[in-house]
Amino acid sequence: MARYWFKTHKKGIVWYPVSWQGWVVVLAYLSGLIYYFIKVDKTSHSASDTMVGMFIPFFILSASLIIITYLKAETPKKS
């Protein structure tokens, strides 16, 4: 039996961390978002500049989180 990092919620395809590895992945994701937000915000002149500058880092970090979660989580349950 494989040890999952994330489990599926009872209602749908929402995953949540259940091991320390899962929590590290989630904290790394949040830390990355905060880091890039601060980095982009220092050079931005307006809120729209910040939003545009955060698009690529947000997309890459979120895609990475989804891929890791998909690979290390149990399969979603059919209702």
PDB file of N, CA and C in Angstrom:
ATOM      1  N   MET A   1       0.842  -1.191   0.000  1.00  0.00           N
ATOM      2  CA  MET A   1       0.000   0.000   0.000  1.00  0.00           C
ATOM      3  C   MET A   1       0.883   1.247   0.000  1.00  0.00           C
ATOM      4  N   ALA A   2       0.616   2.133  -0.927  1.00  0.00           N
ATOM      5  CA  ALA A   2       1.389   3.365  -1.033  1.00  0.00           C
ATOM      6  C   ALA A   2       0.964   4.356   0.044  1.00  0.00           C
ATOM      7  N   ARG A   3       1.917   5.084   0.545  1.00  0.00           N
ATOM      8  CA  ARG A   3       1.614   6.130   1.526  1.00  0.00           C
ATOM      9  C   ARG A   3       1.363   7.420   0.760  1.00  0.00           C
ATOM     10  N   TYR A   4       0.158   7.932   0.879  1.00  0.00           N
ATOM     11  CA  TYR A   4      -0.219   9.138   0.157  1.00  0.00           C
ATOM     12  C   TYR A   4       0.201  10.392   0.905  1.00  0.00           C
ATOM     13  N   TRP A   5       0.553  11.424   0.138  1.00  0.00           N
ATOM     14  CA  TRP A   5       0.853  12.723   0.729  1.00  0.00           C
ATOM     15  C   TRP A   5      -0.414  13.554   0.862  1.00  0.00           C
ATOM     16  N   PHE A   6      -1.400  13.259   0.018  1.00  0.00           N
ATOM     17  CA  PHE A   6      -2.666  13.990   0.003  1.00  0.00           C
ATOM     18  C   PHE A   6      -3.803  12.976  -0.064  1.00  0.00           C
ATOM     19  N   LYS A   7      -4.908  13.321   0.562  1.00  0.00           N
ATOM     20  CA  LYS A   7      -6.111  12.490   0.499  1.00  0.00           C
ATOM     21  C   LYS A   7      -7.214  13.288  -0.181  1.00  0.00           C
ATOM     22  N   THR A   8      -8.184  12.551  -0.685  1.00  0.00           N
ATOM     23  CA  THR A   8      -9.318  13.164  -1.359  1.00  0.00           C
ATOM     24  C   THR A   8     -10.421  13.461  -0.355  1.00  0.00           C
ATOM     25  N   HIS A   9     -11.013  14.626  -0.479  1.00  0.00           N
ATOM     26  CA  HIS A   9     -12.149  14.991   0.367  1.00  0.00           C
ATOM     27  C   HIS A   9     -13.348  14.153  -0.029  1.00  0.00           C
ATOM     28  N   LYS A  10     -14.269  13.960   0.882  1.00  0.00           N
ATOM     29  CA  LYS A  10     -15.444  13.114   0.640  1.00  0.00           C
ATOM     30  C   LYS A  10     -16.294  13.599  -0.534  1.00  0.00           C
ATOM     31  N   LYS A  11     -16.366  14.917  -0.703  1.00  0.00           N
ATOM     32  CA  LYS A  11     -17.247  15.479  -1.731  1.00  0.00           C
ATOM     33  C   LYS A  11     -16.431  16.126  -2.841  1.00  0.00           C
ATOM     34  N   GLY A  12     -16.016  15.342  -3.812  1.00  0.00           N
ATOM     35  CA  GLY A  12     -15.371  15.930  -4.972  1.00  0.00           C
ATOM     36  C   GLY A  12     -13.903  15.623  -5.097  1.00  0.00           C
ATOM     37  N   ILE A  13     -13.222  16.460  -5.864  1.00  0.00           N
ATOM     38  CA  ILE A  13     -11.817  16.225  -6.155  1.00  0.00           C
ATOM     39  C   ILE A  13     -10.917  17.233  -5.439  1.00  0.00           C
ATOM     40  N   VAL A  14     -11.249  17.562  -4.233  1.00  0.00           N
ATOM     41  CA  VAL A  14     -10.430  18.463  -3.427  1.00  0.00           C
ATOM     42  C   VAL A  14      -9.465  17.610  -2.623  1.00  0.00           C
ATOM     43  N   TRP A  15      -8.170  17.930  -2.713  1.00  0.00           N
ATOM     44  CA  TRP A  15      -7.159  17.192  -1.961  1.00  0.00           C
ATOM     45  C   TRP A  15      -6.656  18.034  -0.796  1.00  0.00           C
ATOM     46  N   TYR A  16      -6.275  17.358   0.283  1.00  0.00           N
ATOM     47  CA  TYR A  16      -5.686  18.037   1.426  1.00  0.00           C
ATOM     48  C   TYR A  16      -4.491  17.216   1.918  1.00  0.00           C
ATOM     49  N   PRO A  17      -3.472  17.892   2.481  1.00  0.00           N
ATOM     50  CA  PRO A  17      -2.269  17.170   2.905  1.00  0.00           C
ATOM     51  C   PRO A  17      -2.524  16.321   4.144  1.00  0.00           C
ATOM     52  N   VAL A  18      -1.918  15.119   4.153  1.00  0.00           N
ATOM     53  CA  VAL A  18      -2.069  14.222   5.301  1.00  0.00           C
ATOM     54  C   VAL A  18      -0.726  13.731   5.831  1.00  0.00           C
ATOM     55  N   SER A  19       0.370  14.129   5.202  1.00  0.00           N
ATOM     56  CA  SER A  19       1.692  13.734   5.684  1.00  0.00           C
ATOM     57  C   SER A  19       2.585  14.970   5.725  1.00  0.00           C
ATOM     58  N   TRP A  20       3.743  14.804   6.346  1.00  0.00           N
ATOM     59  CA  TRP A  20       4.639  15.961   6.438  1.00  0.00           C
ATOM     60  C   TRP A  20       5.131  16.364   5.053  1.00  0.00           C
ATOM     61  N   GLN A  21       5.260  15.415   4.131  1.00  0.00           N
ATOM     62  CA  GLN A  21       5.689  15.746   2.777  1.00  0.00           C
ATOM     63  C   GLN A  21       4.642  16.617   2.074  1.00  0.00           C
ATOM     64  N   GLY A  22       3.387  16.296   2.282  1.00  0.00           N
ATOM     65  CA  GLY A  22       2.312  17.101   1.710  1.00  0.00           C
ATOM     66  C   GLY A  22       2.301  18.515   2.251  1.00  0.00           C
ATOM     67  N   TRP A  23       2.519  18.638   3.556  1.00  0.00           N
ATOM     68  CA  TRP A  23       2.565  19.969   4.165  1.00  0.00           C
ATOM     69  C   TRP A  23       3.767  20.760   3.674  1.00  0.00           C
ATOM     70  N   VAL A  24       4.895  20.096   3.454  1.00  0.00           N
ATOM     71  CA  VAL A  24       6.073  20.795   2.918  1.00  0.00           C
ATOM     72  C   VAL A  24       5.783  21.323   1.514  1.00  0.00           C
ATOM     73  N   VAL A  25       5.107  20.522   0.702  1.00  0.00           N
ATOM     74  CA  VAL A  25       4.757  20.959  -0.653  1.00  0.00           C
ATOM     75  C   VAL A  25       3.836  22.179  -0.595  1.00  0.00           C
ATOM     76  N   VAL A  26       2.830  22.149   0.253  1.00  0.00           N
ATOM     77  CA  VAL A  26       1.890  23.269   0.370  1.00  0.00           C
ATOM     78  C   VAL A  26       2.605  24.518   0.894  1.00  0.00           C
ATOM     79  N   LEU A  27       3.453  24.361   1.908  1.00  0.00           N
ATOM     80  CA  LEU A  27       4.189  25.513   2.444  1.00  0.00           C
ATOM     81  C   LEU A  27       5.190  26.070   1.436  1.00  0.00           C
ATOM     82  N   ALA A  28       5.820  25.201   0.651  1.00  0.00           N
ATOM     83  CA  ALA A  28       6.733  25.677  -0.401  1.00  0.00           C
ATOM     84  C   ALA A  28       5.960  26.464  -1.460  1.00  0.00           C
ATOM     85  N   TYR A  29       4.776  25.994  -1.798  1.00  0.00           N
ATOM     86  CA  TYR A  29       3.927  26.702  -2.762  1.00  0.00           C
ATOM     87  C   TYR A  29       3.566  28.103  -2.242  1.00  0.00           C
ATOM     88  N   LEU A  30       3.094  28.166  -1.005  1.00  0.00           N
ATOM     89  CA  LEU A  30       2.729  29.458  -0.425  1.00  0.00           C
ATOM     90  C   LEU A  30       3.935  30.381  -0.278  1.00  0.00           C
ATOM     91  N   SER A  31       5.067  29.823   0.138  1.00  0.00           N
ATOM     92  CA  SER A  31       6.291  30.618   0.262  1.00  0.00           C
ATOM     93  C   SER A  31       6.726  31.160  -1.093  1.00  0.00           C
ATOM     94  N   GLY A  32       6.616  30.337  -2.126  1.00  0.00           N
ATOM     95  CA  GLY A  32       6.959  30.795  -3.476  1.00  0.00           C
ATOM     96  C   GLY A  32       6.067  31.927  -3.936  1.00  0.00           C
ATOM     97  N   LEU A  33       4.771  31.816  -3.667  1.00  0.00           N
ATOM     98  CA  LEU A  33       3.850  32.893  -4.040  1.00  0.00           C
ATOM     99  C   LEU A  33       4.194  34.193  -3.319  1.00  0.00           C
ATOM    100  N   ILE A  34       4.455  34.098  -2.025  1.00  0.00           N
ATOM    101  CA  ILE A  34       4.793  35.290  -1.247  1.00  0.00           C
ATOM    102  C   ILE A  34       6.103  35.898  -1.729  1.00  0.00           C
ATOM    103  N   TYR A  35       7.110  35.049  -1.980  1.00  0.00           N
ATOM    104  CA  TYR A  35       8.408  35.532  -2.452  1.00  0.00           C
ATOM    105  C   TYR A  35       8.263  36.288  -3.776  1.00  0.00           C
ATOM    106  N   TYR A  36       7.589  35.666  -4.747  1.00  0.00           N
ATOM    107  CA  TYR A  36       7.449  36.316  -6.048  1.00  0.00           C
ATOM    108  C   TYR A  36       6.564  37.554  -5.978  1.00  0.00           C
ATOM    109  N   PHE A  37       5.570  37.552  -5.114  1.00  0.00           N
ATOM    110  CA  PHE A  37       4.740  38.751  -4.967  1.00  0.00           C
ATOM    111  C   PHE A  37       5.581  39.921  -4.469  1.00  0.00           C
ATOM    112  N   ILE A  38       6.389  39.682  -3.445  1.00  0.00           N
ATOM    113  CA  ILE A  38       7.240  40.748  -2.911  1.00  0.00           C
ATOM    114  C   ILE A  38       8.236  41.207  -3.965  1.00  0.00           C
ATOM    115  N   LYS A  39       8.839  40.267  -4.683  1.00  0.00           N
ATOM    116  CA  LYS A  39       9.818  40.592  -5.717  1.00  0.00           C
ATOM    117  C   LYS A  39       9.189  41.422  -6.844  1.00  0.00           C
ATOM    118  N   VAL A  40       8.017  41.009  -7.309  1.00  0.00           N
ATOM    119  CA  VAL A  40       7.340  41.722  -8.393  1.00  0.00           C
ATOM    120  C   VAL A  40       6.816  43.068  -7.910  1.00  0.00           C
ATOM    121  N   ASP A  41       6.310  43.122  -6.697  1.00  0.00           N
ATOM    122  CA  ASP A  41       5.723  44.353  -6.171  1.00  0.00           C
ATOM    123  C   ASP A  41       6.762  45.459  -5.992  1.00  0.00           C
ATOM    124  N   LYS A  42       8.006  45.090  -5.718  1.00  0.00           N
ATOM    125  CA  LYS A  42       9.063  46.105  -5.548  1.00  0.00           C
ATOM    126  C   LYS A  42       9.317  46.877  -6.831  1.00  0.00           C
ATOM    127  N   THR A  43       9.156  46.228  -7.972  1.00  0.00           N
ATOM    128  CA  THR A  43       9.448  46.889  -9.247  1.00  0.00           C
ATOM    129  C   THR A  43       8.198  47.375  -9.965  1.00  0.00           C
ATOM    130  N   SER A  44       7.027  47.106  -9.433  1.00  0.00           N
ATOM    131  CA  SER A  44       5.777  47.507 -10.082  1.00  0.00           C
ATOM    132  C   SER A  44       5.418  48.938  -9.714  1.00  0.00           C
ATOM    133  N   HIS A  45       4.699  49.556 -10.650  1.00  0.00           N
ATOM    134  CA  HIS A  45       4.262  50.928 -10.420  1.00  0.00           C
ATOM    135  C   HIS A  45       2.775  51.025 -10.109  1.00  0.00           C
ATOM    136  N   SER A  46       2.061  49.941 -10.311  1.00  0.00           N
ATOM    137  CA  SER A  46       0.629  49.942 -10.023  1.00  0.00           C
ATOM    138  C   SER A  46       0.172  48.523  -9.714  1.00  0.00           C
ATOM    139  N   ALA A  47      -1.059  48.430  -9.287  1.00  0.00           N
ATOM    140  CA  ALA A  47      -1.618  47.111  -8.967  1.00  0.00           C
ATOM    141  C   ALA A  47      -1.720  46.240 -10.216  1.00  0.00           C
ATOM    142  N   SER A  48      -2.030  46.859 -11.344  1.00  0.00           N
ATOM    143  CA  SER A  48      -2.139  46.063 -12.571  1.00  0.00           C
ATOM    144  C   SER A  48      -0.770  45.539 -13.006  1.00  0.00           C
ATOM    145  N   ASP A  49       0.297  46.302 -12.787  1.00  0.00           N
ATOM    146  CA  ASP A  49       1.652  45.810 -13.071  1.00  0.00           C
ATOM    147  C   ASP A  49       1.976  44.591 -12.208  1.00  0.00           C
ATOM    148  N   THR A  50       1.570  44.642 -10.949  1.00  0.00           N
ATOM    149  CA  THR A  50       1.810  43.526 -10.047  1.00  0.00           C
ATOM    150  C   THR A  50       1.043  42.290 -10.509  1.00  0.00           C
ATOM    151  N   MET A  51      -0.200  42.483 -10.898  1.00  0.00           N
ATOM    152  CA  MET A  51      -1.017  41.350 -11.349  1.00  0.00           C
ATOM    153  C   MET A  51      -0.424  40.725 -12.620  1.00  0.00           C
ATOM    154  N   VAL A  52       0.002  41.539 -13.557  1.00  0.00           N
ATOM    155  CA  VAL A  52       0.590  41.031 -14.790  1.00  0.00           C
ATOM    156  C   VAL A  52       1.916  40.331 -14.490  1.00  0.00           C
ATOM    157  N   GLY A  53       2.703  40.901 -13.607  1.00  0.00           N
ATOM    158  CA  GLY A  53       3.986  40.308 -13.246  1.00  0.00           C
ATOM    159  C   GLY A  53       3.862  39.012 -12.477  1.00  0.00           C
ATOM    160  N   MET A  54       2.762  38.820 -11.802  1.00  0.00           N
ATOM    161  CA  MET A  54       2.547  37.599 -11.015  1.00  0.00           C
ATOM    162  C   MET A  54       1.930  36.471 -11.836  1.00  0.00           C
ATOM    163  N   PHE A  55       1.506  36.746 -13.063  1.00  0.00           N
ATOM    164  CA  PHE A  55       0.803  35.727 -13.837  1.00  0.00           C
ATOM    165  C   PHE A  55       1.669  34.495 -14.091  1.00  0.00           C
ATOM    166  N   ILE A  56       2.858  34.677 -14.598  1.00  0.00           N
ATOM    167  CA  ILE A  56       3.732  33.544 -14.930  1.00  0.00           C
ATOM    168  C   ILE A  56       4.154  32.775 -13.672  1.00  0.00           C
ATOM    169  N   PRO A  57       4.672  33.453 -12.616  1.00  0.00           N
ATOM    170  CA  PRO A  57       5.025  32.689 -11.411  1.00  0.00           C
ATOM    171  C   PRO A  57       3.831  31.951 -10.802  1.00  0.00           C
ATOM    172  N   PHE A  58       2.666  32.589 -10.787  1.00  0.00           N
ATOM    173  CA  PHE A  58       1.470  31.938 -10.246  1.00  0.00           C
ATOM    174  C   PHE A  58       1.115  30.702 -11.066  1.00  0.00           C
ATOM    175  N   PHE A  59       1.172  30.825 -12.387  1.00  0.00           N
ATOM    176  CA  PHE A  59       0.844  29.707 -13.261  1.00  0.00           C
ATOM    177  C   PHE A  59       1.813  28.545 -13.060  1.00  0.00           C
ATOM    178  N   ILE A  60       3.114  28.833 -13.018  1.00  0.00           N
ATOM    179  CA  ILE A  60       4.122  27.778 -12.869  1.00  0.00           C
ATOM    180  C   ILE A  60       4.018  27.113 -11.503  1.00  0.00           C
ATOM    181  N   LEU A  61       3.901  27.895 -10.436  1.00  0.00           N
ATOM    182  CA  LEU A  61       3.796  27.326  -9.092  1.00  0.00           C
ATOM    183  C   LEU A  61       2.512  26.511  -8.930  1.00  0.00           C
ATOM    184  N   SER A  62       1.408  27.014  -9.446  1.00  0.00           N
ATOM    185  CA  SER A  62       0.135  26.300  -9.323  1.00  0.00           C
ATOM    186  C   SER A  62       0.140  25.017 -10.141  1.00  0.00           C
ATOM    187  N   ALA A  63       0.705  25.060 -11.339  1.00  0.00           N
ATOM    188  CA  ALA A  63       0.795  23.848 -12.154  1.00  0.00           C
ATOM    189  C   ALA A  63       1.674  22.814 -11.454  1.00  0.00           C
ATOM    190  N   SER A  64       2.768  23.254 -10.854  1.00  0.00           N
ATOM    191  CA  SER A  64       3.648  22.337 -10.126  1.00  0.00           C
ATOM    192  C   SER A  64       2.912  21.694  -8.955  1.00  0.00           C
ATOM    193  N   LEU A  65       2.164  22.495  -8.212  1.00  0.00           N
ATOM    194  CA  LEU A  65       1.397  21.974  -7.078  1.00  0.00           C
ATOM    195  C   LEU A  65       0.371  20.939  -7.544  1.00  0.00           C
ATOM    196  N   ILE A  66      -0.320  21.226  -8.618  1.00  0.00           N
ATOM    197  CA  ILE A  66      -1.338  20.301  -9.124  1.00  0.00           C
ATOM    198  C   ILE A  66      -0.697  18.993  -9.595  1.00  0.00           C
ATOM    199  N   ILE A  67       0.431  19.084 -10.282  1.00  0.00           N
ATOM    200  CA  ILE A  67       1.107  17.875 -10.768  1.00  0.00           C
ATOM    201  C   ILE A  67       1.599  17.017  -9.611  1.00  0.00           C
ATOM    202  N   ILE A  68       2.250  17.641  -8.632  1.00  0.00           N
ATOM    203  CA  ILE A  68       2.744  16.885  -7.471  1.00  0.00           C
ATOM    204  C   ILE A  68       1.583  16.256  -6.717  1.00  0.00           C
ATOM    205  N   THR A  69       0.525  17.024  -6.523  1.00  0.00           N
ATOM    206  CA  THR A  69      -0.643  16.502  -5.816  1.00  0.00           C
ATOM    207  C   THR A  69      -1.262  15.337  -6.575  1.00  0.00           C
ATOM    208  N   TYR A  70      -1.369  15.456  -7.874  1.00  0.00           N
ATOM    209  CA  TYR A  70      -1.950  14.384  -8.679  1.00  0.00           C
ATOM    210  C   TYR A  70      -1.112  13.115  -8.587  1.00  0.00           C
ATOM    211  N   LEU A  71       0.214  13.261  -8.588  1.00  0.00           N
ATOM    212  CA  LEU A  71       1.101  12.100  -8.548  1.00  0.00           C
ATOM    213  C   LEU A  71       1.158  11.458  -7.168  1.00  0.00           C
ATOM    214  N   LYS A  72       0.999  12.239  -6.107  1.00  0.00           N
ATOM    215  CA  LYS A  72       1.186  11.731  -4.747  1.00  0.00           C
ATOM    216  C   LYS A  72      -0.114  11.625  -3.953  1.00  0.00           C
ATOM    217  N   ALA A  73      -1.263  11.733  -4.604  1.00  0.00           N
ATOM    218  CA  ALA A  73      -2.549  11.667  -3.902  1.00  0.00           C
ATOM    219  C   ALA A  73      -3.298  10.401  -4.301  1.00  0.00           C
ATOM    220  N   GLU A  74      -4.248  10.038  -3.445  1.00  0.00           N
ATOM    221  CA  GLU A  74      -5.111   8.919  -3.795  1.00  0.00           C
ATOM    222  C   GLU A  74      -6.041   9.370  -4.910  1.00  0.00           C
ATOM    223  N   THR A  75      -6.558   8.418  -5.656  1.00  0.00           N
ATOM    224  CA  THR A  75      -7.450   8.763  -6.764  1.00  0.00           C
ATOM    225  C   THR A  75      -8.779   9.276  -6.227  1.00  0.00           C
ATOM    226  N   PRO A  76      -9.373  10.233  -6.919  1.00  0.00           N
ATOM    227  CA  PRO A  76     -10.671  10.767  -6.454  1.00  0.00           C
ATOM    228  C   PRO A  76     -11.724   9.671  -6.412  1.00  0.00           C
ATOM    229  N   LYS A  77     -12.575   9.755  -5.405  1.00  0.00           N
ATOM    230  CA  LYS A  77     -13.647   8.763  -5.246  1.00  0.00           C
ATOM    231  C   LYS A  77     -14.848   9.175  -6.084  1.00  0.00           C
ATOM    232  N   LYS A  78     -15.475   8.205  -6.704  1.00  0.00           N
ATOM    233  CA  LYS A  78     -16.679   8.493  -7.478  1.00  0.00           C
ATOM    234  C   LYS A  78     -17.857   8.505  -6.534  1.00  0.00           C
ATOM    235  N   SER A  79     -18.728   9.527  -6.694  1.00  0.00           N
ATOM    236  CA  SER A  79     -19.861   9.630  -5.789  1.00  0.00           C
ATOM    237  C   SER A  79     -21.075   8.943  -6.320  1.00  0.00           C
TER     238      SER A  79
END
